[in-house]
N, C-alpha and C. Protein backbone atom coordinates (compact mmCIF):
# COMPACT_ATOMS: atom_id res chain seq x y z
N MET A 1 44.79 -39.24 -25.06
CA MET A 1 46.17 -39.34 -25.51
C MET A 1 46.87 -37.98 -25.40
N GLY A 2 46.18 -36.94 -25.82
CA GLY A 2 46.79 -35.61 -25.77
C GLY A 2 47.09 -35.15 -24.36
N ALA A 3 46.18 -35.44 -23.43
CA ALA A 3 46.40 -35.05 -22.04
C ALA A 3 47.57 -35.82 -21.43
N VAL A 4 47.67 -37.10 -21.75
CA VAL A 4 48.78 -37.90 -21.25
C VAL A 4 50.09 -37.39 -21.83
N TRP A 5 50.10 -37.10 -23.13
CA TRP A 5 51.30 -36.59 -23.78
C TRP A 5 51.72 -35.25 -23.16
N ALA A 6 50.74 -34.34 -22.97
CA ALA A 6 51.05 -33.03 -22.41
C ALA A 6 51.57 -33.16 -20.98
N PHE A 7 50.96 -34.04 -20.19
CA PHE A 7 51.42 -34.24 -18.81
C PHE A 7 52.84 -34.79 -18.78
N ALA A 8 53.11 -35.77 -19.64
CA ALA A 8 54.45 -36.35 -19.69
C ALA A 8 55.48 -35.31 -20.11
N ARG A 9 55.14 -34.52 -21.10
CA ARG A 9 56.08 -33.49 -21.57
C ARG A 9 56.31 -32.42 -20.51
N PHE A 10 55.22 -32.03 -19.82
CA PHE A 10 55.33 -31.04 -18.76
C PHE A 10 56.21 -31.56 -17.63
N THR A 11 56.03 -32.82 -17.28
CA THR A 11 56.81 -33.42 -16.20
C THR A 11 58.28 -33.52 -16.58
N THR A 12 58.57 -34.01 -17.77
CA THR A 12 59.98 -34.13 -18.17
C THR A 12 60.64 -32.77 -18.32
N THR A 13 59.91 -31.80 -18.82
CA THR A 13 60.46 -30.45 -18.94
C THR A 13 60.71 -29.86 -17.56
N GLY A 14 59.80 -30.11 -16.63
CA GLY A 14 59.97 -29.61 -15.26
C GLY A 14 61.16 -30.22 -14.55
N LEU A 15 61.44 -31.48 -14.85
CA LEU A 15 62.59 -32.13 -14.22
C LEU A 15 63.91 -31.67 -14.83
N ARG A 16 63.90 -31.30 -16.09
CA ARG A 16 65.13 -30.87 -16.77
C ARG A 16 65.47 -29.41 -16.52
N ARG A 17 64.44 -28.57 -16.41
CA ARG A 17 64.67 -27.13 -16.27
C ARG A 17 63.91 -26.61 -15.06
N ARG A 18 64.34 -25.48 -14.60
CA ARG A 18 63.63 -24.81 -13.52
C ARG A 18 62.60 -23.81 -14.08
N SER A 19 62.87 -23.26 -15.23
CA SER A 19 61.96 -22.28 -15.84
C SER A 19 61.08 -22.97 -16.88
N LEU A 20 59.78 -22.95 -16.63
CA LEU A 20 58.83 -23.61 -17.53
C LEU A 20 58.01 -22.63 -18.35
N ILE A 21 58.21 -21.35 -18.18
CA ILE A 21 57.33 -20.36 -18.80
C ILE A 21 57.30 -20.49 -20.31
N GLY A 22 58.44 -20.54 -20.96
CA GLY A 22 58.48 -20.65 -22.41
C GLY A 22 57.94 -21.97 -22.92
N GLU A 23 58.32 -23.05 -22.26
CA GLU A 23 57.86 -24.37 -22.67
C GLU A 23 56.40 -24.59 -22.34
N PHE A 24 55.93 -23.97 -21.27
CA PHE A 24 54.54 -24.16 -20.86
C PHE A 24 53.57 -23.74 -21.95
N ASN A 25 53.83 -22.61 -22.59
CA ASN A 25 52.96 -22.15 -23.68
C ASN A 25 52.98 -23.12 -24.86
N LYS A 26 54.13 -23.67 -25.17
CA LYS A 26 54.22 -24.64 -26.27
C LYS A 26 53.44 -25.91 -25.94
N ILE A 27 53.53 -26.35 -24.69
CA ILE A 27 52.79 -27.54 -24.27
C ILE A 27 51.29 -27.27 -24.32
N ARG A 28 50.87 -26.09 -23.87
CA ARG A 28 49.45 -25.72 -23.94
C ARG A 28 48.95 -25.70 -25.37
N LEU A 29 49.75 -25.17 -26.29
CA LEU A 29 49.35 -25.14 -27.69
C LEU A 29 49.16 -26.55 -28.23
N SER A 30 50.07 -27.43 -27.90
CA SER A 30 49.95 -28.82 -28.36
C SER A 30 48.71 -29.48 -27.77
N LEU A 31 48.47 -29.26 -26.49
CA LEU A 31 47.28 -29.83 -25.86
C LEU A 31 46.01 -29.27 -26.50
N GLY A 32 46.01 -27.98 -26.80
CA GLY A 32 44.86 -27.37 -27.47
C GLY A 32 44.60 -28.00 -28.83
N ARG A 33 45.65 -28.29 -29.57
CA ARG A 33 45.49 -28.95 -30.87
C ARG A 33 44.88 -30.34 -30.72
N PHE A 34 45.34 -31.08 -29.70
CA PHE A 34 44.76 -32.39 -29.43
C PHE A 34 43.28 -32.27 -29.09
N LEU A 35 42.92 -31.26 -28.29
CA LEU A 35 41.52 -31.08 -27.90
C LEU A 35 40.65 -30.75 -29.10
N VAL A 36 41.13 -29.88 -29.97
CA VAL A 36 40.37 -29.52 -31.17
C VAL A 36 40.16 -30.75 -32.04
N LEU A 37 41.21 -31.53 -32.23
CA LEU A 37 41.09 -32.74 -33.04
C LEU A 37 40.11 -33.74 -32.41
N GLY A 38 40.18 -33.88 -31.10
CA GLY A 38 39.26 -34.78 -30.41
C GLY A 38 37.81 -34.34 -30.55
N LEU A 39 37.56 -33.04 -30.46
CA LEU A 39 36.20 -32.51 -30.64
C LEU A 39 35.69 -32.79 -32.05
N GLU A 40 36.55 -32.66 -33.03
CA GLU A 40 36.13 -32.93 -34.41
C GLU A 40 35.78 -34.40 -34.61
N PHE A 41 36.59 -35.30 -34.02
CA PHE A 41 36.28 -36.73 -34.13
C PHE A 41 34.98 -37.08 -33.41
N GLN A 42 34.75 -36.48 -32.25
CA GLN A 42 33.51 -36.76 -31.52
C GLN A 42 32.29 -36.28 -32.30
N LEU A 43 32.39 -35.12 -32.89
CA LEU A 43 31.28 -34.60 -33.68
C LEU A 43 31.01 -35.49 -34.89
N ALA A 44 32.06 -35.93 -35.55
CA ALA A 44 31.90 -36.83 -36.70
C ALA A 44 31.23 -38.13 -36.27
N GLY A 45 31.61 -38.67 -35.12
CA GLY A 45 30.99 -39.88 -34.62
C GLY A 45 29.52 -39.69 -34.31
N ASP A 46 29.18 -38.54 -33.72
CA ASP A 46 27.77 -38.25 -33.44
C ASP A 46 26.95 -38.11 -34.71
N VAL A 47 27.53 -37.48 -35.73
CA VAL A 47 26.83 -37.33 -37.01
C VAL A 47 26.57 -38.70 -37.63
N LEU A 48 27.57 -39.57 -37.62
CA LEU A 48 27.40 -40.91 -38.18
C LEU A 48 26.37 -41.72 -37.40
N ARG A 49 26.39 -41.63 -36.09
CA ARG A 49 25.42 -42.36 -35.28
C ARG A 49 24.00 -41.88 -35.56
N THR A 50 23.82 -40.59 -35.72
CA THR A 50 22.50 -40.04 -36.00
C THR A 50 22.06 -40.41 -37.41
N ALA A 51 22.99 -40.50 -38.35
CA ALA A 51 22.66 -40.87 -39.72
C ALA A 51 22.16 -42.31 -39.81
N VAL A 52 22.64 -43.17 -38.92
CA VAL A 52 22.24 -44.57 -38.93
C VAL A 52 20.84 -44.74 -38.35
N ALA A 53 20.56 -44.09 -37.25
CA ALA A 53 19.26 -44.24 -36.59
C ALA A 53 18.68 -42.88 -36.24
N PRO A 54 18.20 -42.14 -37.24
CA PRO A 54 17.72 -40.79 -36.95
C PRO A 54 16.35 -40.81 -36.26
N GLY A 55 16.21 -39.96 -35.31
CA GLY A 55 14.95 -39.71 -34.64
C GLY A 55 14.96 -38.25 -34.24
N PHE A 56 13.79 -37.71 -33.93
CA PHE A 56 13.75 -36.29 -33.59
C PHE A 56 14.55 -35.98 -32.33
N THR A 57 14.53 -36.89 -31.37
CA THR A 57 15.31 -36.67 -30.15
C THR A 57 16.80 -36.67 -30.46
N GLU A 58 17.24 -37.65 -31.24
CA GLU A 58 18.66 -37.75 -31.58
C GLU A 58 19.12 -36.55 -32.41
N ILE A 59 18.27 -36.12 -33.33
CA ILE A 59 18.63 -34.96 -34.16
C ILE A 59 18.74 -33.70 -33.31
N GLY A 60 17.81 -33.52 -32.38
CA GLY A 60 17.87 -32.37 -31.48
C GLY A 60 19.11 -32.39 -30.61
N GLN A 61 19.44 -33.58 -30.09
CA GLN A 61 20.65 -33.70 -29.28
C GLN A 61 21.89 -33.43 -30.11
N LEU A 62 21.90 -33.91 -31.34
CA LEU A 62 23.04 -33.67 -32.23
C LEU A 62 23.20 -32.18 -32.49
N GLU A 63 22.10 -31.48 -32.72
CA GLU A 63 22.18 -30.03 -32.95
C GLU A 63 22.78 -29.33 -31.75
N ALA A 64 22.33 -29.70 -30.55
CA ALA A 64 22.85 -29.05 -29.33
C ALA A 64 24.33 -29.37 -29.15
N VAL A 65 24.70 -30.63 -29.31
CA VAL A 65 26.10 -31.03 -29.14
C VAL A 65 26.97 -30.36 -30.20
N ALA A 66 26.48 -30.32 -31.44
CA ALA A 66 27.25 -29.69 -32.51
C ALA A 66 27.46 -28.21 -32.24
N ALA A 67 26.45 -27.54 -31.74
CA ALA A 67 26.58 -26.11 -31.43
C ALA A 67 27.61 -25.88 -30.33
N ILE A 68 27.52 -26.69 -29.28
CA ILE A 68 28.47 -26.54 -28.16
C ILE A 68 29.89 -26.82 -28.62
N ARG A 69 30.07 -27.90 -29.36
CA ARG A 69 31.42 -28.26 -29.82
C ARG A 69 31.96 -27.24 -30.81
N THR A 70 31.10 -26.68 -31.64
CA THR A 70 31.55 -25.66 -32.58
C THR A 70 32.05 -24.43 -31.83
N VAL A 71 31.31 -24.02 -30.80
CA VAL A 71 31.72 -22.86 -30.01
C VAL A 71 33.04 -23.16 -29.30
N LEU A 72 33.15 -24.35 -28.69
CA LEU A 72 34.41 -24.72 -28.04
C LEU A 72 35.57 -24.74 -29.02
N ASN A 73 35.34 -25.31 -30.19
CA ASN A 73 36.36 -25.39 -31.21
C ASN A 73 36.80 -23.99 -31.65
N PHE A 74 35.84 -23.09 -31.81
CA PHE A 74 36.15 -21.72 -32.21
C PHE A 74 37.06 -21.05 -31.19
N PHE A 75 36.68 -21.14 -29.90
CA PHE A 75 37.47 -20.47 -28.88
C PHE A 75 38.84 -21.12 -28.68
N LEU A 76 38.90 -22.44 -28.78
CA LEU A 76 40.20 -23.11 -28.68
C LEU A 76 41.12 -22.70 -29.83
N THR A 77 40.58 -22.66 -31.03
CA THR A 77 41.37 -22.27 -32.19
C THR A 77 41.85 -20.83 -32.06
N ARG A 78 40.98 -19.96 -31.57
CA ARG A 78 41.36 -18.56 -31.38
C ARG A 78 42.46 -18.42 -30.33
N GLU A 79 42.34 -19.17 -29.23
CA GLU A 79 43.37 -19.10 -28.20
C GLU A 79 44.69 -19.66 -28.69
N ILE A 80 44.64 -20.72 -29.47
CA ILE A 80 45.86 -21.28 -30.03
C ILE A 80 46.55 -20.25 -30.92
N ALA A 81 45.79 -19.55 -31.74
CA ALA A 81 46.37 -18.53 -32.61
C ALA A 81 46.98 -17.39 -31.79
N GLN A 82 46.32 -16.98 -30.73
CA GLN A 82 46.86 -15.92 -29.89
C GLN A 82 48.14 -16.35 -29.20
N GLU A 83 48.15 -17.57 -28.68
CA GLU A 83 49.36 -18.08 -28.02
C GLU A 83 50.51 -18.18 -29.01
N ARG A 84 50.21 -18.65 -30.20
CA ARG A 84 51.26 -18.77 -31.22
C ARG A 84 51.83 -17.39 -31.56
N ALA A 85 50.97 -16.39 -31.67
CA ALA A 85 51.43 -15.03 -31.97
C ALA A 85 52.29 -14.50 -30.83
N GLU A 86 51.92 -14.78 -29.58
CA GLU A 86 52.71 -14.33 -28.44
C GLU A 86 54.08 -15.01 -28.42
N ILE A 87 54.11 -16.29 -28.72
CA ILE A 87 55.39 -17.01 -28.74
C ILE A 87 56.29 -16.45 -29.83
N GLU A 88 55.72 -16.20 -31.01
CA GLU A 88 56.52 -15.63 -32.09
C GLU A 88 57.02 -14.24 -31.74
N ALA A 89 56.19 -13.43 -31.08
CA ALA A 89 56.61 -12.09 -30.68
C ALA A 89 57.73 -12.16 -29.64
N ASP A 90 57.61 -13.11 -28.70
CA ASP A 90 58.66 -13.28 -27.70
C ASP A 90 59.97 -13.73 -28.32
N GLN A 91 59.89 -14.56 -29.35
CA GLN A 91 61.10 -15.03 -30.01
C GLN A 91 61.74 -13.92 -30.84
N LYS A 92 60.96 -13.02 -31.41
CA LYS A 92 61.50 -11.92 -32.21
C LYS A 92 62.06 -10.81 -31.33
N ALA A 93 61.52 -10.62 -30.13
CA ALA A 93 61.94 -9.53 -29.26
C ALA A 93 63.42 -9.59 -28.91
N PRO A 94 63.98 -10.74 -28.50
CA PRO A 94 65.43 -10.77 -28.20
C PRO A 94 66.29 -10.47 -29.43
N MET A 95 65.85 -10.91 -30.60
CA MET A 95 66.62 -10.64 -31.82
C MET A 95 66.62 -9.15 -32.13
N GLN A 96 65.50 -8.47 -31.91
CA GLN A 96 65.42 -7.06 -32.19
C GLN A 96 66.28 -6.26 -31.20
N ARG A 97 66.31 -6.72 -29.94
CA ARG A 97 67.17 -6.04 -28.95
C ARG A 97 68.64 -6.21 -29.28
N THR A 98 69.00 -7.39 -29.82
CA THR A 98 70.38 -7.66 -30.19
C THR A 98 70.79 -6.79 -31.37
N VAL A 99 69.90 -6.66 -32.35
CA VAL A 99 70.20 -5.84 -33.53
C VAL A 99 70.32 -4.38 -33.15
N ALA A 100 69.49 -3.90 -32.24
CA ALA A 100 69.51 -2.50 -31.83
C ALA A 100 70.77 -2.15 -31.04
N SER A 101 71.34 -3.13 -30.35
CA SER A 101 72.54 -2.86 -29.52
C SER A 101 73.73 -2.66 -30.33
């Protein structure tokens, strides 16, 4: 759903404007949020499936999947925070130039 939403938004923004740089970062942030949420739901589903029919193989696979998804979630969250900080800095920069003039 998130990928479809991001593609649709990117396409409509591209048709309306020629400059996508500012909007592109916002679309990426939204897509990143969708990905993080999807990873959390997948991990929860794996935990529930393992709780129903636990075996050593399933538990080992769950540990590996949980570790990978945790690392992915960490880096996605960190990148989202960095992008958000850059967007806020870009939005403050024109205001500061206007005040200084």
